Amino acid sequence: MKKYQGVFPALYACYDENGEVSSERVKAFTQYLIDKGVNGLYVGGSSGECIYQSVADRKKTLEACMEVAKGKIVIIAHVACNNTKDSQELAAHAESLGVDAIASIPPIYFRLPEHAIAKYWNDISDAAPNTDFIIYNIPQLAGVSLTINLLREMKKNPRVIGVKNSSMPVQDIQMFKDEDVIVFNGPDEQFISGLAMGACGGIGGTYAAMPELFIKMRELFLEGKMEEARVIQNDVCRIIYKMCSTKGNMYAVIKEIIRIQGGPDIGSVRAPLAELVEADYAICKEAADMIATAITKYC
């Protein structure tokens, strides 16, 4: 499981001027992140605006990403849709492209019993029988929390190797680790706390705006320099608070920050996510400046 260690930015949705998925922009953004030194990418998750995209959109994104990334970094493809059939189609497609793992949130909206959630996940996994499977635990959005009993049931499936844990309590990481699975830290604001509780690395929605800082934090953590890592973490948290202070959606903010940084233009966000308003652009510039200052100071 060594390949799953490290910093895994969540890949943002990449749109053209008409708001359609752009393969060329996906390729450019993928290469941009590879050049930053990340260990892998998480494709098609929350940051990829998956619930607002069609099956065809999501296939197009993963195909473009894999064209650039295959064999260079680890790719985890989030394949969940709000029905089993579409999820299985995405899972089989992901396996055909040679991804390292697939991942899935639980079904949302209807509150299903745990045996139904387990069947949903196992049915998805069965559609990609040669690919590792990662459970995505994000109760604040999915409305369902991964329990130890459900995790134990899922562990009967030999393809289930771990959890992307985006619940806020770091205690959850320790509990899941006790079940002998790998765990990725989800909340970016507690990256080093997650590592301290045993996370193998992190998958995060803000990493792509400042991968250097997350890579440096992990490096310091592995060297036992916790105080130095904590100082960077605190600055990262302040940057995230700034990002969240706009009227526009945070992913629209981050995409603008990447443009300010000289990175690729990957468009805006898809409705109903809120686009930036005029007053947001100054905040984006402030956040970009904070990131630049931190990188200069720590990296």
C-alpha atoms as a PDB file:
ATOM      1  CA  MET A   1       0.000   0.000   0.000  1.00  0.00           C
ATOM      2  CA  LYS A   2       3.026   2.282  -0.156  1.00  0.00           C
ATOM      3  CA  LYS A   3       1.815   3.859  -3.380  1.00  0.00           C
ATOM      4  CA  TYR A   4      -1.132   5.373  -1.525  1.00  0.00           C
ATOM      5  CA  GLN A   5       1.052   7.461   0.770  1.00  0.00           C
ATOM      6  CA  GLY A   6       1.444  11.185   0.316  1.00  0.00           C
ATOM      7  CA  VAL A   7      -0.351  14.247  -1.005  1.00  0.00           C
ATOM      8  CA  PHE A   8      -3.266  13.669  -3.376  1.00  0.00           C
ATOM      9  CA  PRO A   9      -4.990  16.841  -4.628  1.00  0.00           C
ATOM     10  CA  ALA A  10      -8.589  16.489  -5.669  1.00  0.00           C
ATOM     11  CA  LEU A  11      -8.786  17.359  -9.370  1.00  0.00           C
ATOM     12  CA  TYR A  12     -11.098  20.308 -10.042  1.00  0.00           C
ATOM     13  CA  ALA A  13     -13.638  20.255 -12.830  1.00  0.00           C
ATOM     14  CA  CYS A  14     -12.095  21.817 -15.938  1.00  0.00           C
ATOM     15  CA  TYR A  15     -14.523  23.719 -18.154  1.00  0.00           C
ATOM     16  CA  ASP A  16     -14.230  25.694 -21.377  1.00  0.00           C
ATOM     17  CA  GLU A  17     -15.751  29.136 -21.960  1.00  0.00           C
ATOM     18  CA  ASN A  18     -19.165  27.530 -22.539  1.00  0.00           C
ATOM     19  CA  GLY A  19     -19.100  25.597 -19.278  1.00  0.00           C
ATOM     20  CA  GLU A  20     -18.471  22.221 -20.914  1.00  0.00           C
ATOM     21  CA  VAL A  21     -15.781  19.768 -19.802  1.00  0.00           C
ATOM     22  CA  SER A  22     -12.545  20.533 -21.651  1.00  0.00           C
ATOM     23  CA  SER A  23     -10.188  17.617 -22.254  1.00  0.00           C
ATOM     24  CA  GLU A  24      -7.352  19.974 -23.106  1.00  0.00           C
ATOM     25  CA  ARG A  25      -7.777  21.876 -19.859  1.00  0.00           C
ATOM     26  CA  VAL A  26      -7.934  18.633 -17.874  1.00  0.00           C
ATOM     27  CA  LYS A  27      -4.659  17.548 -19.473  1.00  0.00           C
ATOM     28  CA  ALA A  28      -3.003  20.887 -18.784  1.00  0.00           C
ATOM     29  CA  PHE A  29      -4.145  20.915 -15.165  1.00  0.00           C
ATOM     30  CA  THR A  30      -3.067  17.311 -14.621  1.00  0.00           C
ATOM     31  CA  GLN A  31       0.413  18.055 -15.945  1.00  0.00           C
ATOM     32  CA  TYR A  32       0.563  21.230 -13.840  1.00  0.00           C
ATOM     33  CA  LEU A  33      -0.032  19.187 -10.666  1.00  0.00           C
ATOM     34  CA  ILE A  34       2.397  16.450 -11.683  1.00  0.00           C
ATOM     35  CA  ASP A  35       5.037  19.112 -12.131  1.00  0.00           C
ATOM     36  CA  LYS A  36       4.324  20.325  -8.585  1.00  0.00           C
ATOM     37  CA  GLY A  37       5.451  16.958  -7.225  1.00  0.00           C
ATOM     38  CA  VAL A  38       2.174  15.515  -5.910  1.00  0.00           C
ATOM     39  CA  ASN A  39       1.941  11.785  -5.240  1.00  0.00           C
ATOM     40  CA  GLY A  40      -1.397  11.238  -6.933  1.00  0.00           C
ATOM     41  CA  LEU A  41      -4.766  12.696  -7.871  1.00  0.00           C
ATOM     42  CA  TYR A  42      -8.331  12.054  -6.772  1.00  0.00           C
ATOM     43  CA  VAL A  43     -10.527  12.450  -9.852  1.00  0.00           C
ATOM     44  CA  GLY A  44     -14.298  12.916 -10.010  1.00  0.00           C
ATOM     45  CA  GLY A  45     -15.035  13.693  -6.371  1.00  0.00           C
ATOM     46  CA  SER A  46     -16.629  16.653  -4.644  1.00  0.00           C
ATOM     47  CA  SER A  47     -13.989  19.061  -5.955  1.00  0.00           C
ATOM     48  CA  GLY A  48     -14.619  17.676  -9.418  1.00  0.00           C
ATOM     49  CA  GLU A  49     -18.284  18.739  -9.089  1.00  0.00           C
ATOM     50  CA  CYS A  50     -19.294  15.136  -9.717  1.00  0.00           C
ATOM     51  CA  ILE A  51     -22.940  15.493  -8.710  1.00  0.00           C
ATOM     52  CA  TYR A  52     -23.418  18.206 -11.344  1.00  0.00           C
ATOM     53  CA  GLN A  53     -21.857  16.230 -14.174  1.00  0.00           C
ATOM     54  CA  SER A  54     -23.195  13.558 -16.495  1.00  0.00           C
ATOM     55  CA  VAL A  55     -21.680  10.102 -16.833  1.00  0.00           C
ATOM     56  CA  ALA A  56     -20.237  11.224 -20.175  1.00  0.00           C
ATOM     57  CA  ASP A  57     -18.659  14.313 -18.564  1.00  0.00           C
ATOM     58  CA  ARG A  58     -17.006  12.222 -15.909  1.00  0.00           C
ATOM     59  CA  LYS A  59     -15.677   9.692 -18.402  1.00  0.00           C
ATOM     60  CA  LYS A  60     -14.264  12.498 -20.517  1.00  0.00           C
ATOM     61  CA  THR A  61     -12.464  13.998 -17.509  1.00  0.00           C
ATOM     62  CA  LEU A  62     -10.934  10.705 -16.388  1.00  0.00           C
ATOM     63  CA  GLU A  63      -9.851   9.783 -19.911  1.00  0.00           C
ATOM     64  CA  ALA A  64      -8.033  13.101 -20.331  1.00  0.00           C
ATOM     65  CA  CYS A  65      -6.426  12.847 -16.910  1.00  0.00           C
ATOM     66  CA  MET A  66      -5.209   9.300 -17.503  1.00  0.00           C
ATOM     67  CA  GLU A  67      -3.800  10.219 -20.894  1.00  0.00           C
ATOM     68  CA  VAL A  68      -1.334  12.452 -19.046  1.00  0.00           C
ATOM     69  CA  ALA A  69      -0.969  10.779 -15.651  1.00  0.00           C
ATOM     70  CA  LYS A  70      -0.971   7.038 -16.277  1.00  0.00           C
ATOM     71  CA  GLY A  71       2.251   5.483 -15.092  1.00  0.00           C
ATOM     72  CA  LYS A  72       3.462   8.766 -13.576  1.00  0.00           C
ATOM     73  CA  ILE A  73       1.371   9.187 -10.430  1.00  0.00           C
ATOM     74  CA  VAL A  74      -1.352   7.256  -8.596  1.00  0.00           C
ATOM     75  CA  ILE A  75      -4.917   7.910  -9.777  1.00  0.00           C
ATOM     76  CA  ILE A  76      -7.975   7.269  -7.620  1.00  0.00           C
ATOM     77  CA  ALA A  77     -11.242   7.677  -9.530  1.00  0.00           C
ATOM     78  CA  HIS A  78     -14.393   8.525  -7.622  1.00  0.00           C
ATOM     79  CA  VAL A  79     -17.179   6.734  -9.486  1.00  0.00           C
ATOM     80  CA  ALA A  80     -20.279   7.103  -7.331  1.00  0.00           C
ATOM     81  CA  CYS A  81     -23.522   8.315  -8.861  1.00  0.00           C
ATOM     82  CA  ASN A  82     -26.846   8.350  -7.101  1.00  0.00           C
ATOM     83  CA  ASN A  83     -27.814   5.043  -8.666  1.00  0.00           C
ATOM     84  CA  THR A  84     -25.988   1.748  -8.927  1.00  0.00           C
ATOM     85  CA  LYS A  85     -26.181   1.319 -12.719  1.00  0.00           C
ATOM     86  CA  ASP A  86     -24.366   4.559 -13.577  1.00  0.00           C
ATOM     87  CA  SER A  87     -21.849   3.965 -10.789  1.00  0.00           C
ATOM     88  CA  GLN A  88     -21.038   0.526 -12.182  1.00  0.00           C
ATOM     89  CA  GLU A  89     -20.602   1.994 -15.661  1.00  0.00           C
ATOM     90  CA  LEU A  90     -18.090   4.510 -14.319  1.00  0.00           C
ATOM     91  CA  ALA A  91     -16.319   1.830 -12.278  1.00  0.00           C
ATOM     92  CA  ALA A  92     -15.884  -0.456 -15.290  1.00  0.00           C
ATOM     93  CA  HIS A  93     -14.724   2.488 -17.385  1.00  0.00           C
ATOM     94  CA  ALA A  94     -12.182   3.517 -14.733  1.00  0.00           C
ATOM     95  CA  GLU A  95     -10.779  -0.011 -14.570  1.00  0.00           C
ATOM     96  CA  SER A  96     -10.505  -0.131 -18.368  1.00  0.00           C
ATOM     97  CA  LEU A  97      -8.306   2.981 -18.219  1.00  0.00           C
ATOM     98  CA  GLY A  98      -5.987   1.429 -15.638  1.00  0.00           C
ATOM     99  CA  VAL A  99      -6.663   3.579 -12.567  1.00  0.00           C
ATOM    100  CA  ASP A 100      -5.073   2.462  -9.320  1.00  0.00           C
ATOM    101  CA  ALA A 101      -8.276   2.546  -7.292  1.00  0.00           C
ATOM    102  CA  ILE A 102     -11.908   3.535  -7.439  1.00  0.00           C
ATOM    103  CA  ALA A 103     -13.788   5.250  -4.627  1.00  0.00           C
ATOM    104  CA  SER A 104     -17.391   5.902  -3.707  1.00  0.00           C
ATOM    105  CA  ILE A 105     -19.529   7.915  -1.344  1.00  0.00           C
ATOM    106  CA  PRO A 106     -22.679   6.205  -0.041  1.00  0.00           C
ATOM    107  CA  PRO A 107     -25.952   6.807  -1.893  1.00  0.00           C
ATOM    108  CA  ILE A 108     -27.362  10.227  -0.967  1.00  0.00           C
ATOM    109  CA  TYR A 109     -30.876  11.636  -0.432  1.00  0.00           C
ATOM    110  CA  PHE A 110     -32.739   8.484   0.623  1.00  0.00           C
ATOM    111  CA  ARG A 111     -31.533   7.223   4.000  1.00  0.00           C
ATOM    112  CA  LEU A 112     -30.685   3.583   3.329  1.00  0.00           C
ATOM    113  CA  PRO A 113     -29.971   0.842   5.868  1.00  0.00           C
ATOM    114  CA  GLU A 114     -26.374  -0.281   6.150  1.00  0.00           C
ATOM    115  CA  HIS A 115     -26.961  -3.574   4.345  1.00  0.00           C
ATOM    116  CA  ALA A 116     -28.236  -1.602   1.322  1.00  0.00           C
ATOM    117  CA  ILE A 117     -25.224   0.718   1.399  1.00  0.00           C
ATOM    118  CA  ALA A 118     -22.921  -2.299   1.551  1.00  0.00           C
ATOM    119  CA  LYS A 119     -24.682  -3.851  -1.449  1.00  0.00           C
ATOM    120  CA  TYR A 120     -24.346  -0.589  -3.390  1.00  0.00           C
ATOM    121  CA  TRP A 121     -20.611  -0.450  -2.730  1.00  0.00           C
ATOM    122  CA  ASN A 122     -20.065  -4.143  -3.425  1.00  0.00           C
ATOM    123  CA  ASP A 123     -22.036  -3.928  -6.671  1.00  0.00           C
ATOM    124  CA  ILE A 124     -19.843  -1.040  -7.774  1.00  0.00           C
ATOM    125  CA  SER A 125     -16.708  -2.946  -6.790  1.00  0.00           C
ATOM    126  CA  ASP A 126     -17.895  -6.004  -8.709  1.00  0.00           C
ATOM    127  CA  ALA A 127     -17.949  -3.886 -11.878  1.00  0.00           C
ATOM    128  CA  ALA A 128     -14.190  -3.296 -11.436  1.00  0.00           C
ATOM    129  CA  PRO A 129     -13.062  -6.691 -10.130  1.00  0.00           C
ATOM    130  CA  ASN A 130      -9.335  -6.057 -10.567  1.00  0.00           C
ATOM    131  CA  THR A 131      -9.210  -2.638  -8.924  1.00  0.00           C
ATOM    132  CA  ASP A 132      -8.770  -1.502  -5.316  1.00  0.00           C
ATOM    133  CA  PHE A 133     -11.828   0.077  -3.684  1.00  0.00           C
ATOM    134  CA  ILE A 134     -11.806   3.016  -1.258  1.00  0.00           C
ATOM    135  CA  ILE A 135     -14.801   4.088   0.823  1.00  0.00           C
ATOM    136  CA  TYR A 136     -15.394   7.840   0.860  1.00  0.00           C
ATOM    137  CA  ASN A 137     -16.733   8.917   4.252  1.00  0.00           C
ATOM    138  CA  ILE A 138     -18.100  12.467   4.111  1.00  0.00           C
ATOM    139  CA  PRO A 139     -21.112  12.496   6.453  1.00  0.00           C
ATOM    140  CA  GLN A 140     -21.558  16.286   6.463  1.00  0.00           C
ATOM    141  CA  LEU A 141     -22.516  16.154   2.774  1.00  0.00           C
ATOM    142  CA  ALA A 142     -23.676  12.583   2.179  1.00  0.00           C
ATOM    143  CA  GLY A 143     -25.849  12.484   5.295  1.00  0.00           C
ATOM    144  CA  VAL A 144     -24.495   9.028   6.162  1.00  0.00           C
ATOM    145  CA  SER A 145     -21.606   8.198   8.491  1.00  0.00           C
ATOM    146  CA  LEU A 146     -19.366   5.198   8.027  1.00  0.00           C
ATOM    147  CA  THR A 147     -19.710   3.012  11.103  1.00  0.00           C
ATOM    148  CA  ILE A 148     -17.299   0.381  12.319  1.00  0.00           C
ATOM    149  CA  ASN A 149     -19.894  -2.319  11.687  1.00  0.00           C
ATOM    150  CA  LEU A 150     -20.362  -1.174   8.095  1.00  0.00           C
ATOM    151  CA  LEU A 151     -16.598  -1.023   7.565  1.00  0.00           C
ATOM    152  CA  ARG A 152     -16.230  -4.552   8.945  1.00  0.00           C
ATOM    153  CA  GLU A 153     -18.915  -5.758   6.566  1.00  0.00           C
ATOM    154  CA  MET A 154     -17.152  -4.068   3.641  1.00  0.00           C
ATOM    155  CA  LYS A 155     -13.819  -5.620   4.612  1.00  0.00           C
ATOM    156  CA  LYS A 156     -15.276  -8.990   3.587  1.00  0.00           C
ATOM    157  CA  ASN A 157     -14.687  -7.671   0.070  1.00  0.00           C
ATOM    158  CA  PRO A 158     -10.940  -8.218  -0.542  1.00  0.00           C
ATOM    159  CA  ARG A 159     -10.796  -5.226  -2.888  1.00  0.00           C
ATOM    160  CA  VAL A 160     -11.697  -2.828  -0.077  1.00  0.00           C
ATOM    161  CA  ILE A 161      -8.389  -1.373   1.071  1.00  0.00           C
ATOM    162  CA  GLY A 162      -9.234   1.844   2.853  1.00  0.00           C
ATOM    163  CA  VAL A 163     -11.198   4.969   3.627  1.00  0.00           C
ATOM    164  CA  LYS A 164     -11.020   8.548   2.438  1.00  0.00           C
ATOM    165  CA  ASN A 165     -12.148  10.111   5.669  1.00  0.00           C
ATOM    166  CA  SER A 166     -13.613  13.606   5.503  1.00  0.00           C
ATOM    167  CA  SER A 167     -15.414  13.569   8.828  1.00  0.00           C
ATOM    168  CA  MET A 168     -14.089  16.230  11.186  1.00  0.00           C
ATOM    169  CA  PRO A 169     -13.144  14.126  14.251  1.00  0.00           C
ATOM    170  CA  VAL A 170      -9.583  12.838  13.864  1.00  0.00           C
ATOM    171  CA  GLN A 171     -10.629  10.084  16.262  1.00  0.00           C
ATOM    172  CA  ASP A 172     -12.419   8.481  13.297  1.00  0.00           C
ATOM    173  CA  ILE A 173      -9.058   7.965  11.589  1.00  0.00           C
ATOM    174  CA  GLN A 174      -7.758   6.065  14.602  1.00  0.00           C
ATOM    175  CA  MET A 175     -10.879   3.898  14.774  1.00  0.00           C
ATOM    176  CA  PHE A 176     -10.759   3.039  11.077  1.00  0.00           C
ATOM    177  CA  LYS A 177      -7.021   2.326  11.280  1.00  0.00           C
ATOM    178  CA  ASP A 178      -7.723  -0.189  14.028  1.00  0.00           C
ATOM    179  CA  GLU A 179      -9.695  -2.145  11.414  1.00  0.00           C
ATOM    180  CA  ASP A 180      -6.462  -2.633   9.452  1.00  0.00           C
ATOM    181  CA  VAL A 181      -7.233  -0.404   6.473  1.00  0.00           C
ATOM    182  CA  ILE A 182      -5.411   2.592   5.053  1.00  0.00           C
ATOM    183  CA  VAL A 183      -6.998   5.962   5.777  1.00  0.00           C
ATOM    184  CA  PHE A 184      -6.611   9.229   3.904  1.00  0.00           C
ATOM    185  CA  ASN A 185      -7.128  12.441   5.842  1.00  0.00           C
ATOM    186  CA  GLY A 186      -9.894  14.507   4.255  1.00  0.00           C
ATOM    187  CA  PRO A 187     -10.264  17.847   6.079  1.00  0.00           C
ATOM    188  CA  ASP A 188      -7.397  20.041   4.867  1.00  0.00           C
ATOM    189  CA  GLU A 189      -7.533  22.103   8.053  1.00  0.00           C
ATOM    190  CA  GLN A 190      -6.304  19.107  10.075  1.00  0.00           C
ATOM    191  CA  PHE A 191      -3.777  17.566   7.710  1.00  0.00           C
ATOM    192  CA  ILE A 192      -0.995  17.031  10.252  1.00  0.00           C
ATOM    193  CA  SER A 193      -3.503  15.948  12.902  1.00  0.00           C
ATOM    194  CA  GLY A 194      -4.712  13.251  10.525  1.00  0.00           C
ATOM    195  CA  LEU A 195      -1.149  12.133   9.872  1.00  0.00           C
ATOM    196  CA  ALA A 196      -0.519  11.997  13.618  1.00  0.00           C
ATOM    197  CA  MET A 197      -3.542   9.699  14.017  1.00  0.00           C
ATOM    198  CA  GLY A 198      -2.178   7.335  11.382  1.00  0.00           C
ATOM    199  CA  ALA A 199      -3.426   8.590   8.024  1.00  0.00           C
ATOM    200  CA  CYS A 200      -1.283   7.385   5.117  1.00  0.00           C
ATOM    201  CA  GLY A 201      -1.592  10.794   3.493  1.00  0.00           C
ATOM    202  CA  GLY A 202      -4.275  13.193   2.467  1.00  0.00           C
ATOM    203  CA  ILE A 203      -6.797  13.829  -0.276  1.00  0.00           C
ATOM    204  CA  GLY A 204      -7.825  17.457  -0.219  1.00  0.00           C
ATOM    205  CA  GLY A 205      -9.919  20.031  -2.004  1.00  0.00           C
ATOM    206  CA  THR A 206      -7.525  22.941  -1.449  1.00  0.00           C
ATOM    207  CA  TYR A 207      -4.243  21.123  -2.109  1.00  0.00           C
ATOM    208  CA  ALA A 208      -4.038  22.140  -5.767  1.00  0.00           C
ATOM    209  CA  ALA A 209      -3.897  25.830  -4.837  1.00  0.00           C
ATOM    210  CA  MET A 210      -0.897  25.264  -2.568  1.00  0.00           C
ATOM    211  CA  PRO A 211       0.538  21.761  -3.018  1.00  0.00           C
ATOM    212  CA  GLU A 212       3.971  22.964  -1.934  1.00  0.00           C
ATOM    213  CA  LEU A 213       2.679  23.665   1.576  1.00  0.00           C
ATOM    214  CA  PHE A 214       1.059  20.266   2.029  1.00  0.00           C
ATOM    215  CA  ILE A 215       4.113  18.486   0.647  1.00  0.00           C
ATOM    216  CA  LYS A 216       6.317  20.470   3.049  1.00  0.00           C
ATOM    217  CA  MET A 217       4.060  19.736   6.037  1.00  0.00           C
ATOM    218  CA  ARG A 218       4.236  16.017   5.338  1.00  0.00           C
ATOM    219  CA  GLU A 219       8.002  16.183   4.907  1.00  0.00           C
ATOM    220  CA  LEU A 220       8.382  17.913   8.279  1.00  0.00           C
ATOM    221  CA  PHE A 221       5.985  15.456   9.909  1.00  0.00           C
ATOM    222  CA  LEU A 222       8.012  12.493   8.658  1.00  0.00           C
ATOM    223  CA  GLU A 223      11.162  14.159  10.004  1.00  0.00           C
ATOM    224  CA  GLY A 224       9.548  14.548  13.431  1.00  0.00           C
ATOM    225  CA  LYS A 225       9.509  18.348  13.179  1.00  0.00           C
ATOM    226  CA  MET A 226       5.971  18.720  14.478  1.00  0.00           C
ATOM    227  CA  GLU A 227       6.237  22.311  15.661  1.00  0.00           C
ATOM    228  CA  GLU A 228       7.449  23.476  12.253  1.00  0.00           C
ATOM    229  CA  ALA A 229       4.670  21.503  10.575  1.00  0.00           C
ATOM    230  CA  ARG A 230       2.099  22.996  12.959  1.00  0.00           C
ATOM    231  CA  VAL A 231       3.146  26.534  12.082  1.00  0.00           C
ATOM    232  CA  ILE A 232       2.552  25.847   8.384  1.00  0.00           C
ATOM    233  CA  GLN A 233      -0.762  24.139   9.166  1.00  0.00           C
ATOM    234  CA  ASN A 234      -1.964  27.210  11.021  1.00  0.00           C
ATOM    235  CA  ASP A 235      -1.117  29.428   8.048  1.00  0.00           C
ATOM    236  CA  VAL A 236      -2.848  26.983   5.698  1.00  0.00           C
ATOM    237  CA  CYS A 237      -5.970  27.183   7.856  1.00  0.00           C
ATOM    238  CA  ARG A 238      -5.917  30.989   7.669  1.00  0.00           C
ATOM    239  CA  ILE A 239      -5.620  30.784   3.881  1.00  0.00           C
ATOM    240  CA  ILE A 240      -8.608  28.438   3.740  1.00  0.00           C
ATOM    241  CA  TYR A 241     -10.648  30.798   5.930  1.00  0.00           C
ATOM    242  CA  LYS A 242      -9.835  33.580   3.461  1.00  0.00           C
ATOM    243  CA  MET A 243     -10.903  31.380   0.539  1.00  0.00           C
ATOM    244  CA  CYS A 244     -14.218  30.705   2.252  1.00  0.00           C
ATOM    245  CA  SER A 245     -15.005  34.392   2.845  1.00  0.00           C
ATOM    246  CA  THR A 246     -16.388  35.089  -0.644  1.00  0.00           C
ATOM    247  CA  LYS A 247     -19.894  34.943  -2.055  1.00  0.00           C
ATOM    248  CA  GLY A 248     -18.688  32.698  -4.849  1.00  0.00           C
ATOM    249  CA  ASN A 249     -18.136  28.990  -4.322  1.00  0.00           C
ATOM    250  CA  MET A 250     -14.747  28.031  -2.901  1.00  0.00           C
ATOM    251  CA  TYR A 251     -13.812  26.058  -6.022  1.00  0.00           C
ATOM    252  CA  ALA A 252     -14.449  29.133  -8.154  1.00  0.00           C
ATOM    253  CA  VAL A 253     -12.130  30.994  -5.775  1.00  0.00           C
ATOM    254  CA  ILE A 254      -9.404  28.368  -6.066  1.00  0.00           C
ATOM    255  CA  LYS A 255      -9.614  28.284  -9.858  1.00  0.00           C
ATOM    256  CA  GLU A 256      -9.118  32.059  -9.884  1.00  0.00           C
ATOM    257  CA  ILE A 257      -6.178  31.739  -7.475  1.00  0.00           C
ATOM    258  CA  ILE A 258      -4.530  29.209  -9.791  1.00  0.00           C
ATOM    259  CA  ARG A 259      -4.923  31.666 -12.682  1.00  0.00           C
ATOM    260  CA  ILE A 260      -3.360  34.417 -10.555  1.00  0.00           C
ATOM    261  CA  GLN A 261      -0.475  32.056  -9.786  1.00  0.00           C
ATOM    262  CA  GLY A 262       0.178  31.614 -13.490  1.00  0.00           C
ATOM    263  CA  GLY A 263      -1.377  28.170 -13.649  1.00  0.00           C
ATOM    264  CA  PRO A 264      -3.804  26.932 -16.289  1.00  0.00           C
ATOM    265  CA  ASP A 265      -7.217  28.492 -16.861  1.00  0.00           C
ATOM    266  CA  ILE A 266      -9.689  25.727 -16.001  1.00  0.00           C
ATOM    267  CA  GLY A 267     -12.871  27.786 -16.168  1.00  0.00           C
ATOM    268  CA  SER A 268     -15.384  28.500 -13.436  1.00  0.00           C
ATOM    269  CA  VAL A 269     -17.909  26.275 -11.667  1.00  0.00           C
ATOM    270  CA  ARG A 270     -21.112  24.682 -12.908  1.00  0.00           C
ATOM    271  CA  ALA A 271     -24.520  25.925 -11.752  1.00  0.00           C
ATOM    272  CA  PRO A 272     -25.998  25.795  -9.192  1.00  0.00           C
ATOM    273  CA  LEU A 273     -22.573  26.430  -7.618  1.00  0.00           C
ATOM    274  CA  ALA A 274     -22.142  30.181  -7.251  1.00  0.00           C
ATOM    275  CA  GLU A 275     -19.705  31.973  -9.544  1.00  0.00           C
ATOM    276  CA  LEU A 276     -17.514  34.789  -8.273  1.00  0.00           C
ATOM    277  CA  VAL A 277     -18.954  38.273  -7.841  1.00  0.00           C
ATOM    278  CA  GLU A 278     -16.882  41.387  -8.473  1.00  0.00           C
ATOM    279  CA  ALA A 279     -15.966  41.871  -4.811  1.00  0.00           C
ATOM    280  CA  ASP A 280     -14.561  38.331  -4.662  1.00  0.00           C
ATOM    281  CA  TYR A 281     -11.632  39.016  -6.968  1.00  0.00           C
ATOM    282  CA  ALA A 282      -9.809  41.135  -4.386  1.00  0.00           C
ATOM    283  CA  ILE A 283     -10.221  38.329  -1.850  1.00  0.00           C
ATOM    284  CA  CYS A 284      -8.822  35.830  -4.357  1.00  0.00           C
ATOM    285  CA  LYS A 285      -5.790  38.082  -4.796  1.00  0.00           C
ATOM    286  CA  GLU A 286      -5.358  38.310  -1.011  1.00  0.00           C
ATOM    287  CA  ALA A 287      -5.456  34.525  -0.713  1.00  0.00           C
ATOM    288  CA  ALA A 288      -3.013  34.118  -3.599  1.00  0.00           C
ATOM    289  CA  ASP A 289      -0.639  36.564  -1.908  1.00  0.00           C
ATOM    290  CA  MET A 290      -0.937  34.672   1.382  1.00  0.00           C
ATOM    291  CA  ILE A 291      -0.046  31.444  -0.400  1.00  0.00           C
ATOM    292  CA  ALA A 292       2.929  33.025  -2.171  1.00  0.00           C
ATOM    293  CA  THR A 293       4.212  34.445   1.110  1.00  0.00           C
ATOM    294  CA  ALA A 294       3.887  31.093   2.870  1.00  0.00           C
ATOM    295  CA  ILE A 295       5.647  29.209   0.066  1.00  0.00           C
ATOM    296  CA  THR A 296       8.515  31.704   0.120  1.00  0.00           C
ATOM    297  CA  LYS A 297       8.744  31.455   3.896  1.00  0.00           C
ATOM    298  CA  TYR A 298       8.505  27.694   4.343  1.00  0.00           C
ATOM    299  CA  CYS A 299       9.470  26.016   1.077  1.00  0.00           C
END
